[in-house]
Amino acid sequence: MAVYTVHEPPLKADQSQPDPERFVFVRDGFSFWAFLLAPLWMLRHRMWLVLLGYLVVTIALQVALSLIGASATVMTVVTVLLSLLVGFEAATLRRFTLGRRRWTNVGIVVGDDTETAEQRFFDAWVDRGGSDSVASGGSWASAPPASAATVLTPPLTRRPSVSPDVIGLFPEPGASR
């Protein structure tokens, strides 16, 4: 099961409610395409600042390694390690870019694939919104605000306090068995 973060775009000038078609689901985990073709992956996702940073770091590393007389093998290994880092941090780089564009993180959802995650997220979103839902042709007016980042997280419950003289998994003194 993959974990996805859900991002809502900023409202356009003529909008009063968010458009569910524009929501973005960013999958956590390693991105093979970001590892294999980092610059093209960044271009595909319109991550201009990230691409610029990647190019600066790559060129700086290559120049520094050539100045200290590193072999071609070392240069290749460093380049592969940088690509590996981009593959592992791809989701973080996407969230960074969306955040800079003023997109709002509205929740976290778990699913086997993107389609399942979308279905789970919007089911929970609609359930929280009441009877007037998007699925039944309604509007987002009854849905919870976009800043409700706990769409799929259960409320925190308070654990009963344990007396300080009870250690570990032992029962409380005087409790019934």
N, C-alpha and C. Protein backbone atom coordinates (compact mmCIF):
# COMPACT_ATOMS: atom_id res chain seq x y z
N MET A 1 0.84 -1.18 0.00
CA MET A 1 0.00 0.00 0.00
C MET A 1 0.88 1.24 0.00
N ALA A 2 0.56 2.15 -0.85
CA ALA A 2 1.32 3.39 -0.95
C ALA A 2 0.62 4.50 -0.17
N VAL A 3 1.41 5.45 0.28
CA VAL A 3 0.89 6.61 0.99
C VAL A 3 0.95 7.81 0.05
N TYR A 4 -0.13 8.54 -0.02
CA TYR A 4 -0.22 9.71 -0.89
C TYR A 4 -0.55 10.94 -0.06
N THR A 5 0.03 12.07 -0.43
CA THR A 5 -0.41 13.34 0.13
C THR A 5 -1.29 14.00 -0.91
N VAL A 6 -2.33 14.67 -0.46
CA VAL A 6 -3.31 15.27 -1.35
C VAL A 6 -3.14 16.79 -1.30
N HIS A 7 -3.04 17.41 -2.47
CA HIS A 7 -2.80 18.85 -2.55
C HIS A 7 -3.90 19.51 -3.36
N GLU A 8 -4.41 20.59 -2.79
CA GLU A 8 -5.48 21.37 -3.43
C GLU A 8 -4.88 22.64 -4.03
N PRO A 9 -5.23 22.96 -5.28
CA PRO A 9 -4.68 24.17 -5.90
C PRO A 9 -5.31 25.43 -5.31
N PRO A 10 -4.62 26.55 -5.44
CA PRO A 10 -5.23 27.80 -4.98
C PRO A 10 -6.43 28.13 -5.87
N LEU A 11 -7.39 28.82 -5.29
CA LEU A 11 -8.59 29.18 -6.04
C LEU A 11 -8.26 30.22 -7.12
N LYS A 12 -8.87 30.05 -8.28
CA LYS A 12 -8.73 31.04 -9.34
C LYS A 12 -9.63 32.23 -9.02
N ALA A 13 -9.45 33.32 -9.74
CA ALA A 13 -10.19 34.55 -9.45
C ALA A 13 -11.71 34.35 -9.56
N ASP A 14 -12.16 33.51 -10.49
CA ASP A 14 -13.59 33.32 -10.71
C ASP A 14 -14.16 32.13 -9.93
N GLN A 15 -13.37 31.50 -9.08
CA GLN A 15 -13.83 30.34 -8.32
C GLN A 15 -14.15 30.71 -6.88
N SER A 16 -15.17 30.04 -6.35
CA SER A 16 -15.46 30.19 -4.93
C SER A 16 -15.23 28.87 -4.20
N GLN A 17 -15.16 27.77 -4.95
CA GLN A 17 -14.95 26.44 -4.38
C GLN A 17 -13.81 25.76 -5.14
N PRO A 18 -13.06 24.87 -4.49
CA PRO A 18 -11.98 24.17 -5.17
C PRO A 18 -12.51 23.19 -6.22
N ASP A 19 -11.75 22.99 -7.26
CA ASP A 19 -12.11 22.07 -8.34
C ASP A 19 -11.49 20.71 -8.05
N PRO A 20 -12.29 19.68 -7.78
CA PRO A 20 -11.73 18.37 -7.43
C PRO A 20 -10.92 17.74 -8.56
N GLU A 21 -11.14 18.16 -9.79
CA GLU A 21 -10.39 17.62 -10.93
C GLU A 21 -8.93 18.06 -10.90
N ARG A 22 -8.64 19.15 -10.21
CA ARG A 22 -7.28 19.69 -10.20
C ARG A 22 -6.46 19.23 -9.00
N PHE A 23 -7.05 18.47 -8.07
CA PHE A 23 -6.31 17.99 -6.92
C PHE A 23 -5.16 17.11 -7.41
N VAL A 24 -4.04 17.15 -6.68
CA VAL A 24 -2.87 16.35 -7.04
C VAL A 24 -2.57 15.38 -5.91
N PHE A 25 -2.34 14.13 -6.27
CA PHE A 25 -1.98 13.09 -5.31
C PHE A 25 -0.50 12.76 -5.53
N VAL A 26 0.32 13.02 -4.52
CA VAL A 26 1.76 12.79 -4.61
C VAL A 26 2.09 11.54 -3.81
N ARG A 27 2.62 10.53 -4.51
CA ARG A 27 2.94 9.25 -3.88
C ARG A 27 4.29 9.34 -3.18
N ASP A 28 4.30 8.90 -1.91
CA ASP A 28 5.56 8.81 -1.18
C ASP A 28 6.31 7.57 -1.65
N GLY A 29 7.63 7.65 -1.59
CA GLY A 29 8.44 6.50 -1.95
C GLY A 29 9.38 6.81 -3.10
N PHE A 30 10.12 5.81 -3.49
CA PHE A 30 11.12 5.94 -4.54
C PHE A 30 10.45 6.11 -5.89
N SER A 31 10.95 7.05 -6.69
CA SER A 31 10.44 7.28 -8.04
C SER A 31 11.49 6.82 -9.04
N PHE A 32 11.19 5.74 -9.74
CA PHE A 32 12.13 5.18 -10.70
C PHE A 32 12.45 6.16 -11.81
N TRP A 33 11.42 6.86 -12.33
CA TRP A 33 11.64 7.78 -13.44
C TRP A 33 12.43 9.01 -13.01
N ALA A 34 12.26 9.45 -11.79
CA ALA A 34 13.06 10.57 -11.29
C ALA A 34 14.51 10.15 -11.14
N PHE A 35 14.74 8.90 -10.78
CA PHE A 35 16.11 8.37 -10.68
C PHE A 35 16.74 8.23 -12.06
N LEU A 36 16.01 7.64 -12.99
CA LEU A 36 16.56 7.33 -14.30
C LEU A 36 16.72 8.56 -15.19
N LEU A 37 15.73 9.41 -15.21
CA LEU A 37 15.72 10.58 -16.10
C LEU A 37 15.37 11.84 -15.31
N ALA A 38 16.20 12.19 -14.36
CA ALA A 38 15.89 13.28 -13.43
C ALA A 38 15.54 14.59 -14.13
N PRO A 39 16.36 15.11 -15.04
CA PRO A 39 16.00 16.40 -15.66
C PRO A 39 14.67 16.34 -16.43
N LEU A 40 14.45 15.26 -17.16
CA LEU A 40 13.19 15.15 -17.91
C LEU A 40 12.00 15.00 -16.98
N TRP A 41 12.17 14.28 -15.88
CA TRP A 41 11.10 14.13 -14.89
C TRP A 41 10.77 15.49 -14.28
N MET A 42 11.79 16.29 -14.00
CA MET A 42 11.56 17.62 -13.44
C MET A 42 10.85 18.52 -14.44
N LEU A 43 11.22 18.43 -15.70
CA LEU A 43 10.54 19.22 -16.74
C LEU A 43 9.08 18.79 -16.87
N ARG A 44 8.83 17.49 -16.83
CA ARG A 44 7.47 16.98 -16.96
C ARG A 44 6.57 17.52 -15.85
N HIS A 45 7.11 17.67 -14.66
CA HIS A 45 6.32 18.15 -13.53
C HIS A 45 6.45 19.67 -13.33
N ARG A 46 7.06 20.34 -14.29
CA ARG A 46 7.23 21.80 -14.27
C ARG A 46 7.89 22.29 -12.99
N MET A 47 8.97 21.63 -12.62
CA MET A 47 9.71 21.96 -11.40
C MET A 47 10.96 22.75 -11.78
N TRP A 48 10.78 23.99 -12.20
CA TRP A 48 11.86 24.79 -12.77
C TRP A 48 12.95 25.09 -11.74
N LEU A 49 12.57 25.48 -10.56
CA LEU A 49 13.55 25.81 -9.53
C LEU A 49 14.34 24.58 -9.09
N VAL A 50 13.67 23.46 -8.98
CA VAL A 50 14.33 22.20 -8.63
C VAL A 50 15.29 21.79 -9.74
N LEU A 51 14.87 21.94 -10.99
CA LEU A 51 15.74 21.62 -12.12
C LEU A 51 16.98 22.51 -12.12
N LEU A 52 16.79 23.78 -11.87
CA LEU A 52 17.93 24.71 -11.83
C LEU A 52 18.90 24.30 -10.71
N GLY A 53 18.38 23.99 -9.55
CA GLY A 53 19.22 23.54 -8.44
C GLY A 53 19.95 22.25 -8.77
N TYR A 54 19.26 21.32 -9.41
CA TYR A 54 19.87 20.04 -9.80
C TYR A 54 21.02 20.28 -10.78
N LEU A 55 20.79 21.13 -11.77
CA LEU A 55 21.83 21.41 -12.76
C LEU A 55 23.04 22.09 -12.11
N VAL A 56 22.79 23.03 -11.21
CA VAL A 56 23.89 23.73 -10.52
C VAL A 56 24.71 22.75 -9.69
N VAL A 57 24.02 21.88 -8.94
CA VAL A 57 24.72 20.91 -8.10
C VAL A 57 25.49 19.92 -8.96
N THR A 58 24.88 19.44 -10.04
CA THR A 58 25.55 18.48 -10.92
C THR A 58 26.80 19.08 -11.56
N ILE A 59 26.67 20.28 -12.08
CA ILE A 59 27.83 20.94 -12.72
C ILE A 59 28.91 21.23 -11.69
N ALA A 60 28.52 21.72 -10.51
CA ALA A 60 29.50 22.02 -9.47
C ALA A 60 30.24 20.75 -9.04
N LEU A 61 29.52 19.65 -8.89
CA LEU A 61 30.18 18.39 -8.52
C LEU A 61 31.15 17.92 -9.60
N GLN A 62 30.72 18.01 -10.86
CA GLN A 62 31.59 17.57 -11.95
C GLN A 62 32.85 18.43 -12.04
N VAL A 63 32.70 19.74 -11.89
CA VAL A 63 33.85 20.65 -11.93
C VAL A 63 34.78 20.38 -10.75
N ALA A 64 34.20 20.23 -9.56
CA ALA A 64 35.02 19.99 -8.36
C ALA A 64 35.76 18.67 -8.48
N LEU A 65 35.10 17.65 -8.97
CA LEU A 65 35.76 16.35 -9.12
C LEU A 65 36.86 16.38 -10.17
N SER A 66 36.63 17.12 -11.24
CA SER A 66 37.68 17.21 -12.27
C SER A 66 38.87 18.03 -11.77
N LEU A 67 38.61 19.04 -10.93
CA LEU A 67 39.71 19.85 -10.39
C LEU A 67 40.59 19.06 -9.42
N ILE A 68 40.00 18.13 -8.69
CA ILE A 68 40.82 17.34 -7.77
C ILE A 68 41.39 16.10 -8.46
N GLY A 69 41.10 15.94 -9.74
CA GLY A 69 41.68 14.84 -10.50
C GLY A 69 41.01 13.50 -10.30
N ALA A 70 39.72 13.49 -10.03
CA ALA A 70 38.99 12.24 -9.84
C ALA A 70 38.86 11.51 -11.17
N SER A 71 38.84 10.19 -11.10
CA SER A 71 38.72 9.39 -12.31
C SER A 71 37.30 9.44 -12.85
N ALA A 72 37.12 8.94 -14.05
CA ALA A 72 35.80 8.90 -14.68
C ALA A 72 34.87 7.99 -13.89
N THR A 73 35.41 6.96 -13.29
CA THR A 73 34.60 6.04 -12.51
C THR A 73 34.02 6.75 -11.28
N VAL A 74 34.83 7.54 -10.62
CA VAL A 74 34.36 8.28 -9.45
C VAL A 74 33.30 9.29 -9.86
N MET A 75 33.52 9.97 -10.97
CA MET A 75 32.53 10.95 -11.46
C MET A 75 31.19 10.26 -11.78
N THR A 76 31.27 9.08 -12.37
CA THR A 76 30.05 8.34 -12.69
C THR A 76 29.33 7.90 -11.43
N VAL A 77 30.08 7.41 -10.45
CA VAL A 77 29.48 6.97 -9.19
C VAL A 77 28.80 8.14 -8.48
N VAL A 78 29.43 9.30 -8.47
CA VAL A 78 28.84 10.48 -7.83
C VAL A 78 27.56 10.89 -8.56
N THR A 79 27.57 10.84 -9.88
CA THR A 79 26.38 11.19 -10.65
C THR A 79 25.24 10.21 -10.38
N VAL A 80 25.56 8.93 -10.30
CA VAL A 80 24.53 7.92 -10.01
C VAL A 80 23.99 8.12 -8.59
N LEU A 81 24.87 8.42 -7.64
CA LEU A 81 24.40 8.67 -6.27
C LEU A 81 23.50 9.90 -6.20
N LEU A 82 23.81 10.93 -6.96
CA LEU A 82 22.96 12.12 -7.00
C LEU A 82 21.59 11.77 -7.60
N SER A 83 21.60 10.98 -8.66
CA SER A 83 20.33 10.54 -9.26
C SER A 83 19.54 9.67 -8.30
N LEU A 84 20.24 8.84 -7.54
CA LEU A 84 19.58 8.01 -6.54
C LEU A 84 18.92 8.89 -5.47
N LEU A 85 19.62 9.93 -5.06
CA LEU A 85 19.05 10.87 -4.10
C LEU A 85 17.80 11.54 -4.65
N VAL A 86 17.83 11.94 -5.90
CA VAL A 86 16.66 12.56 -6.53
C VAL A 86 15.51 11.55 -6.58
N GLY A 87 15.79 10.29 -6.88
CA GLY A 87 14.75 9.26 -6.90
C GLY A 87 14.09 9.08 -5.55
N PHE A 88 14.90 9.08 -4.48
CA PHE A 88 14.34 8.91 -3.14
C PHE A 88 13.60 10.16 -2.66
N GLU A 89 14.02 11.33 -3.07
CA GLU A 89 13.41 12.57 -2.61
C GLU A 89 12.44 13.19 -3.62
N ALA A 90 12.04 12.44 -4.62
CA ALA A 90 11.17 12.97 -5.67
C ALA A 90 9.86 13.52 -5.11
N ALA A 91 9.23 12.79 -4.21
CA ALA A 91 7.95 13.24 -3.64
C ALA A 91 8.15 14.52 -2.84
N THR A 92 9.24 14.61 -2.11
CA THR A 92 9.52 15.82 -1.33
C THR A 92 9.74 17.00 -2.26
N LEU A 93 10.44 16.78 -3.36
CA LEU A 93 10.67 17.86 -4.33
C LEU A 93 9.36 18.32 -4.96
N ARG A 94 8.45 17.38 -5.24
CA ARG A 94 7.14 17.77 -5.79
C ARG A 94 6.33 18.55 -4.77
N ARG A 95 6.34 18.10 -3.51
CA ARG A 95 5.60 18.83 -2.48
C ARG A 95 6.18 20.23 -2.28
N PHE A 96 7.50 20.35 -2.36
CA PHE A 96 8.16 21.66 -2.25
C PHE A 96 7.67 22.58 -3.37
N THR A 97 7.64 22.07 -4.58
CA THR A 97 7.20 22.88 -5.72
C THR A 97 5.73 23.26 -5.59
N LEU A 98 4.89 22.33 -5.19
CA LEU A 98 3.47 22.65 -5.01
C LEU A 98 3.28 23.67 -3.90
N GLY A 99 4.04 23.55 -2.83
CA GLY A 99 3.96 24.52 -1.74
C GLY A 99 4.36 25.92 -2.18
N ARG A 100 5.39 26.02 -3.00
CA ARG A 100 5.81 27.32 -3.52
C ARG A 100 4.74 27.94 -4.42
N ARG A 101 3.94 27.11 -5.04
CA ARG A 101 2.85 27.59 -5.89
C ARG A 101 1.55 27.82 -5.10
N ARG A 102 1.65 27.78 -3.77
CA ARG A 102 0.54 28.03 -2.85
C ARG A 102 -0.54 26.95 -2.90
N TRP A 103 -0.17 25.72 -3.24
CA TRP A 103 -1.11 24.62 -3.14
C TRP A 103 -1.18 24.22 -1.67
N THR A 104 -2.33 23.75 -1.23
CA THR A 104 -2.55 23.40 0.16
C THR A 104 -2.57 21.89 0.33
N ASN A 105 -1.84 21.39 1.31
CA ASN A 105 -1.88 19.97 1.64
C ASN A 105 -3.16 19.74 2.45
N VAL A 106 -4.10 18.98 1.89
CA VAL A 106 -5.39 18.79 2.54
C VAL A 106 -5.57 17.43 3.17
N GLY A 107 -4.60 16.54 3.03
CA GLY A 107 -4.75 15.25 3.67
C GLY A 107 -3.75 14.23 3.22
N ILE A 108 -3.84 13.08 3.88
CA ILE A 108 -3.00 11.93 3.57
C ILE A 108 -3.92 10.76 3.38
N VAL A 109 -3.65 9.94 2.38
CA VAL A 109 -4.49 8.79 2.10
C VAL A 109 -3.60 7.61 1.70
N VAL A 110 -4.08 6.41 2.00
CA VAL A 110 -3.35 5.19 1.68
C VAL A 110 -4.16 4.40 0.66
N GLY A 111 -3.47 3.86 -0.35
CA GLY A 111 -4.15 3.07 -1.36
C GLY A 111 -3.18 2.23 -2.15
N ASP A 112 -3.72 1.20 -2.81
CA ASP A 112 -2.87 0.34 -3.64
C ASP A 112 -2.31 1.08 -4.85
N ASP A 113 -3.11 1.98 -5.41
CA ASP A 113 -2.68 2.79 -6.54
C ASP A 113 -3.35 4.16 -6.44
N THR A 114 -3.05 5.02 -7.39
CA THR A 114 -3.58 6.39 -7.34
C THR A 114 -5.11 6.39 -7.40
N GLU A 115 -5.67 5.54 -8.24
CA GLU A 115 -7.12 5.51 -8.38
C GLU A 115 -7.81 5.13 -7.07
N THR A 116 -7.28 4.13 -6.39
CA THR A 116 -7.85 3.72 -5.10
C THR A 116 -7.69 4.82 -4.07
N ALA A 117 -6.54 5.47 -4.06
CA ALA A 117 -6.31 6.57 -3.12
C ALA A 117 -7.28 7.71 -3.38
N GLU A 118 -7.49 8.05 -4.65
CA GLU A 118 -8.44 9.10 -4.99
C GLU A 118 -9.84 8.73 -4.51
N GLN A 119 -10.24 7.49 -4.76
CA GLN A 119 -11.58 7.06 -4.35
C GLN A 119 -11.75 7.15 -2.83
N ARG A 120 -10.75 6.70 -2.09
CA ARG A 120 -10.83 6.76 -0.64
C ARG A 120 -10.86 8.20 -0.14
N PHE A 121 -10.03 9.03 -0.73
CA PHE A 121 -9.97 10.42 -0.28
C PHE A 121 -11.30 11.12 -0.52
N PHE A 122 -11.83 11.01 -1.74
CA PHE A 122 -13.06 11.73 -2.05
C PHE A 122 -14.27 11.13 -1.35
N ASP A 123 -14.26 9.83 -1.07
CA ASP A 123 -15.33 9.24 -0.26
C ASP A 123 -15.33 9.87 1.13
N ALA A 124 -14.16 9.97 1.73
CA ALA A 124 -14.06 10.57 3.07
C ALA A 124 -14.40 12.06 3.01
N TRP A 125 -13.98 12.73 1.96
CA TRP A 125 -14.24 14.17 1.80
C TRP A 125 -15.74 14.42 1.70
N VAL A 126 -16.41 13.61 0.90
CA VAL A 126 -17.85 13.76 0.71
C VAL A 126 -18.59 13.39 2.00
N ASP A 127 -18.17 12.31 2.68
CA ASP A 127 -18.82 11.90 3.92
C ASP A 127 -18.76 13.00 4.97
N ARG A 128 -17.67 13.70 5.03
CA ARG A 128 -17.53 14.79 6.00
C ARG A 128 -18.36 16.00 5.60
N GLY A 129 -18.72 16.08 4.32
CA GLY A 129 -19.46 17.23 3.82
C GLY A 129 -20.95 17.16 4.04
N GLY A 130 -21.49 16.01 4.40
CA GLY A 130 -22.93 15.89 4.62
C GLY A 130 -23.65 15.35 3.41
N SER A 131 -24.95 15.60 3.33
CA SER A 131 -25.77 15.00 2.27
C SER A 131 -25.58 15.69 0.94
N ASP A 132 -25.30 16.97 0.93
CA ASP A 132 -25.10 17.71 -0.31
C ASP A 132 -23.66 17.50 -0.76
N SER A 133 -23.42 16.49 -1.56
CA SER A 133 -22.05 16.11 -1.90
C SER A 133 -21.77 16.29 -3.38
N VAL A 134 -20.50 16.27 -3.70
CA VAL A 134 -20.07 16.39 -5.08
C VAL A 134 -20.52 15.18 -5.88
N ALA A 135 -20.45 14.01 -5.27
CA ALA A 135 -20.81 12.79 -5.98
C ALA A 135 -22.28 12.80 -6.41
N SER A 136 -23.15 13.46 -5.65
CA SER A 136 -24.56 13.50 -6.02
C SER A 136 -24.91 14.76 -6.80
N GLY A 137 -23.90 15.42 -7.32
CA GLY A 137 -24.14 16.60 -8.14
C GLY A 137 -24.17 17.89 -7.35
N GLY A 138 -23.85 17.83 -6.09
CA GLY A 138 -23.85 19.03 -5.25
C GLY A 138 -22.61 19.86 -5.46
N SER A 139 -22.37 20.74 -4.54
CA SER A 139 -21.19 21.59 -4.64
C SER A 139 -20.27 21.32 -3.46
N TRP A 140 -19.11 21.94 -3.49
CA TRP A 140 -18.16 21.79 -2.40
C TRP A 140 -18.51 22.68 -1.23
N ALA A 141 -19.61 23.42 -1.33
CA ALA A 141 -19.95 24.36 -0.27
C ALA A 141 -20.16 23.67 1.07
N SER A 142 -20.67 22.44 1.04
CA SER A 142 -20.92 21.75 2.29
C SER A 142 -19.72 20.93 2.75
N ALA A 143 -18.70 20.84 1.92
CA ALA A 143 -17.52 20.06 2.28
C ALA A 143 -16.71 20.81 3.32
N PRO A 144 -15.86 20.10 4.05
CA PRO A 144 -15.04 20.76 5.06
C PRO A 144 -14.02 21.69 4.39
N PRO A 145 -13.51 22.65 5.11
CA PRO A 145 -12.55 23.56 4.52
C PRO A 145 -11.29 22.83 4.09
N ALA A 146 -10.60 23.40 3.11
CA ALA A 146 -9.40 22.77 2.56
C ALA A 146 -8.30 22.64 3.58
N SER A 147 -8.34 23.43 4.61
CA SER A 147 -7.26 23.37 5.59
C SER A 147 -7.43 22.22 6.57
N ALA A 148 -8.50 21.44 6.43
CA ALA A 148 -8.71 20.30 7.32
C ALA A 148 -7.79 19.17 6.89
N ALA A 149 -6.57 19.19 7.37
CA ALA A 149 -5.55 18.23 6.96
C ALA A 149 -5.77 16.86 7.58
N THR A 150 -6.75 16.74 8.44
CA THR A 150 -7.00 15.46 9.10
C THR A 150 -8.15 14.72 8.45
N VAL A 151 -8.30 14.82 7.15
CA VAL A 151 -9.42 14.21 6.46
C VAL A 151 -9.48 12.71 6.74
N LEU A 152 -8.36 12.02 6.71
CA LEU A 152 -8.37 10.59 6.88
C LEU A 152 -7.66 10.12 8.14
N THR A 153 -7.36 11.02 9.02
CA THR A 153 -6.69 10.60 10.24
C THR A 153 -7.70 10.59 11.37
N PRO A 154 -7.72 9.52 12.19
CA PRO A 154 -8.68 9.46 13.28
C PRO A 154 -8.34 10.47 14.36
N PRO A 155 -9.33 10.91 15.11
CA PRO A 155 -9.04 11.85 16.19
C PRO A 155 -8.17 11.19 17.25
N LEU A 156 -7.32 11.98 17.85
CA LEU A 156 -6.45 11.46 18.89
C LEU A 156 -7.28 11.20 20.14
N THR A 157 -7.04 10.06 20.75
CA THR A 157 -7.74 9.74 21.99
C THR A 157 -6.76 9.84 23.13
N ARG A 158 -7.26 10.21 24.24
CA ARG A 158 -6.41 10.39 25.41
C ARG A 158 -6.35 9.08 26.18
N ARG A 159 -5.15 8.63 26.48
CA ARG A 159 -4.97 7.41 27.25
C ARG A 159 -5.19 7.72 28.73
N PRO A 160 -5.80 6.79 29.45
CA PRO A 160 -5.98 7.03 30.88
C PRO A 160 -4.62 7.09 31.57
N SER A 161 -4.55 7.96 32.55
CA SER A 161 -3.28 8.09 33.24
C SER A 161 -3.05 6.87 34.12
N VAL A 162 -1.81 6.45 34.18
CA VAL A 162 -1.42 5.28 34.97
C VAL A 162 -0.65 5.79 36.18
N SER A 163 -0.91 5.16 37.30
CA SER A 163 -0.20 5.61 38.50
C SER A 163 1.29 5.37 38.32
N PRO A 164 2.12 6.22 38.93
CA PRO A 164 3.55 6.13 38.70
C PRO A 164 4.21 4.87 39.25
N ASP A 165 3.52 4.12 40.14
CA ASP A 165 4.16 2.93 40.69
C ASP A 165 3.88 1.67 39.87
N VAL A 166 3.22 1.79 38.72
CA VAL A 166 2.99 0.67 37.83
C VAL A 166 4.00 0.77 36.69
N ILE A 167 4.72 -0.32 36.43
CA ILE A 167 5.77 -0.31 35.42
C ILE A 167 5.43 -1.33 34.33
N GLY A 168 5.60 -0.93 33.07
CA GLY A 168 5.44 -1.86 31.96
C GLY A 168 4.02 -2.30 31.74
N LEU A 169 3.85 -3.60 31.47
CA LEU A 169 2.55 -4.15 31.12
C LEU A 169 1.82 -4.77 32.31
N PHE A 170 2.29 -4.52 33.50
CA PHE A 170 1.64 -5.07 34.68
C PHE A 170 0.32 -4.34 34.91
N PRO A 171 -0.67 -5.05 35.44
CA PRO A 171 -1.97 -4.41 35.70
C PRO A 171 -1.86 -3.40 36.83
N GLU A 172 -2.84 -2.52 36.85
CA GLU A 172 -2.87 -1.52 37.92
C GLU A 172 -3.12 -2.19 39.26
N PRO A 173 -2.52 -1.68 40.33
CA PRO A 173 -2.77 -2.27 41.64
C PRO A 173 -4.23 -2.07 42.04
N GLY A 174 -4.83 -3.13 42.54
CA GLY A 174 -6.20 -3.05 43.01
C GLY A 174 -7.23 -3.21 41.92
N ALA A 175 -6.85 -3.38 40.64
CA ALA A 175 -7.81 -3.54 39.55
C ALA A 175 -8.33 -4.96 39.55
N SER A 176 -9.58 -5.15 39.08
CA SER A 176 -10.15 -6.49 39.03
C SER A 176 -9.45 -7.32 37.95
N ARG A 177 -9.42 -8.65 38.16
CA ARG A 177 -8.71 -9.51 37.21
C ARG A 177 -9.65 -10.04 36.23
